[in-house]
């Protein structure tokens, strides 16, 4: 009977994790997070820029369709809004040129339209990137 009680006591003490084992596991997980988090954040920011480039490409297509119908590119006053609704009440307007309306960039800001373009084209469509400041290296433009 005594052997049974001793064996049972040993089983109970070995059933769970010790505090030291839990601390070691937490330290290892913390080290893994510290190593991988910067790479994950870098990849996340790069993917947002890629999403902005794709949407800018879609906007370029819509602007070109507008220009085909209207014989001109949108003015700065009309902006990208003219792709969604006929702001100037022009008869040649055949829109909407974007089905689901204008979207915000991945950083929740409106895309910027400039006519004439500052990058060598007829127009520019830009996202100001994560910092929201124009003229930085993180701007995404056509």
Protein backbone atom coordinates (compact mmCIF):
# COMPACT_ATOMS: atom_id res chain seq x y z
CA UNK A 1 0.00 0.00 0.00
CA UNK A 2 2.85 2.37 0.83
CA UNK A 3 4.44 1.77 -2.59
CA UNK A 4 1.15 2.67 -4.24
CA UNK A 5 0.95 6.00 -2.38
CA UNK A 6 4.58 6.87 -3.13
CA UNK A 7 4.17 6.10 -6.84
CA UNK A 8 1.01 8.15 -6.92
CA UNK A 9 2.75 11.12 -5.29
CA UNK A 10 5.56 10.96 -7.88
CA UNK A 11 3.04 10.88 -10.70
CA UNK A 12 1.36 14.03 -9.40
CA UNK A 13 4.60 15.96 -9.14
CA UNK A 14 5.61 15.02 -12.70
CA UNK A 15 2.22 15.75 -14.26
CA UNK A 16 2.72 19.48 -14.98
CA UNK A 17 5.43 21.87 -16.14
CA UNK A 18 7.76 23.50 -13.69
CA UNK A 19 8.06 27.25 -13.52
CA UNK A 20 11.59 27.02 -14.92
CA UNK A 21 10.39 25.08 -17.97
CA UNK A 22 7.70 27.68 -18.65
CA UNK A 23 10.20 30.54 -18.33
CA UNK A 24 12.59 28.82 -20.76
CA UNK A 25 9.79 28.36 -23.30
CA UNK A 26 8.74 32.00 -22.96
CA UNK A 27 12.33 33.19 -23.41
CA UNK A 28 12.70 31.08 -26.56
CA UNK A 29 9.40 32.42 -27.97
CA UNK A 30 10.48 35.98 -27.17
CA UNK A 31 13.78 35.49 -28.99
CA UNK A 32 11.99 34.08 -32.03
CA UNK A 33 9.59 37.03 -32.07
CA UNK A 34 12.46 39.50 -31.79
CA UNK A 35 14.22 37.92 -34.76
CA UNK A 36 11.20 37.50 -37.05
CA UNK A 37 9.13 40.64 -36.25
CA UNK A 38 11.30 43.11 -38.20
CA UNK A 39 11.21 40.88 -41.28
CA UNK A 40 7.46 40.46 -41.03
CA UNK A 41 6.93 44.24 -40.67
CA UNK A 42 9.21 44.95 -43.64
CA UNK A 43 7.27 42.46 -45.76
CA UNK A 44 3.98 43.95 -44.60
CA UNK A 45 5.02 47.49 -45.61
CA UNK A 46 6.29 46.24 -48.99
CA UNK A 47 2.99 44.50 -49.65
CA UNK A 48 1.06 47.70 -48.91
CA UNK A 49 3.17 49.54 -51.50
CA UNK A 50 2.42 46.77 -54.02
CA UNK A 51 -1.31 47.11 -53.34
CA UNK A 52 -1.02 50.87 -53.96
CA UNK A 53 0.80 50.26 -57.27
CA UNK A 54 -1.89 47.85 -58.43
CA UNK A 55 -4.70 50.27 -57.61
CA UNK A 56 -2.81 53.14 -59.27
CA UNK A 57 -2.57 50.96 -62.38
CA UNK A 58 -6.35 50.47 -62.27
CA UNK A 59 -6.83 54.23 -61.89
CA UNK A 60 -4.55 54.83 -64.90
CA UNK A 61 -6.75 52.56 -66.99
CA UNK A 62 -9.85 54.46 -65.88
CA UNK A 63 -8.20 57.83 -66.60
CA UNK A 64 -7.24 56.63 -70.08
CA UNK A 65 -10.81 55.46 -70.77
CA UNK A 66 -12.06 58.85 -69.62
CA UNK A 67 -9.56 60.55 -71.96
CA UNK A 68 -10.70 58.35 -74.84
CA UNK A 69 -14.34 59.36 -74.32
CA UNK A 70 -13.76 63.01 -73.46
CA UNK A 71 -10.75 63.81 -75.66
CA UNK A 72 -8.78 65.08 -72.65
CA UNK A 73 -7.48 63.99 -69.28
CA UNK A 74 -9.26 65.05 -66.11
CA UNK A 75 -8.36 68.49 -64.84
CA UNK A 76 -6.92 69.06 -61.37
CA UNK A 77 -10.25 70.57 -60.34
CA UNK A 78 -12.14 67.43 -61.44
CA UNK A 79 -9.55 65.13 -59.95
CA UNK A 80 -10.23 61.42 -59.76
CA UNK A 81 -13.83 62.08 -58.70
CA UNK A 82 -14.72 62.52 -62.39
CA UNK A 83 -14.06 58.79 -62.85
CA UNK A 84 -17.00 58.01 -60.58
CA UNK A 85 -19.52 60.73 -61.40
CA UNK A 86 -20.01 63.33 -64.12
CA UNK A 87 -18.91 66.40 -62.19
CA UNK A 88 -18.90 68.70 -65.26
CA UNK A 89 -22.19 67.41 -66.78
CA UNK A 90 -20.40 66.63 -70.06
CA UNK A 91 -22.43 64.77 -72.68
CA UNK A 92 -19.46 62.64 -73.82
CA UNK A 93 -18.97 61.21 -70.32
CA UNK A 94 -19.66 57.45 -70.41
CA UNK A 95 -18.76 56.53 -66.83
CA UNK A 96 -18.53 55.53 -64.17
CA UNK A 97 -15.06 54.39 -65.14
CA UNK A 98 -14.48 52.73 -61.77
CA UNK A 99 -17.18 50.30 -60.76
CA UNK A 100 -16.89 50.34 -56.97
CA UNK A 101 -16.01 53.99 -56.45
CA UNK A 102 -12.73 55.51 -55.41
CA UNK A 103 -10.83 53.68 -52.70
CA UNK A 104 -8.36 55.01 -50.20
CA UNK A 105 -4.73 53.95 -50.37
CA UNK A 106 -3.51 51.21 -48.00
CA UNK A 107 -2.67 53.91 -45.43
CA UNK A 108 -6.27 55.22 -45.47
CA UNK A 109 -5.58 58.41 -47.45
CA UNK A 110 -6.93 59.57 -50.81
CA UNK A 111 -4.82 59.13 -53.93
CA UNK A 112 -3.44 62.34 -55.40
CA UNK A 113 -4.02 63.31 -59.04
CA UNK A 114 -1.96 65.97 -60.84
CA UNK A 115 -2.36 67.21 -64.41
CA UNK A 116 0.17 67.81 -65.92
CA UNK A 117 2.34 65.18 -64.33
CA UNK A 118 5.57 65.94 -62.53
CA UNK A 119 7.19 62.63 -63.48
CA UNK A 120 7.27 63.03 -67.25
CA UNK A 121 3.74 61.88 -68.09
CA UNK A 122 0.50 63.62 -68.92
CA UNK A 123 -0.68 63.11 -65.34
CA UNK A 124 0.43 61.67 -62.01
CA UNK A 125 -1.49 59.45 -59.64
CA UNK A 126 0.28 59.05 -56.30
CA UNK A 127 -0.05 57.67 -52.82
CA UNK A 128 1.97 59.50 -50.19
CA UNK A 129 3.04 56.26 -48.56
CA UNK A 130 3.09 55.40 -44.88
CA UNK A 131 4.29 58.80 -43.65
CA UNK A 132 1.78 60.87 -45.65
CA UNK A 133 4.43 63.41 -46.67
CA UNK A 134 4.92 64.26 -50.35
CA UNK A 135 8.34 64.02 -51.94
CA UNK A 136 9.79 61.17 -49.87
CA UNK A 137 11.23 57.91 -51.17
CA UNK A 138 8.20 56.02 -49.86
CA UNK A 139 5.75 57.79 -52.22
CA UNK A 140 4.11 55.43 -54.71
CA UNK A 141 3.44 57.07 -58.11
CA UNK A 142 2.67 55.98 -61.66
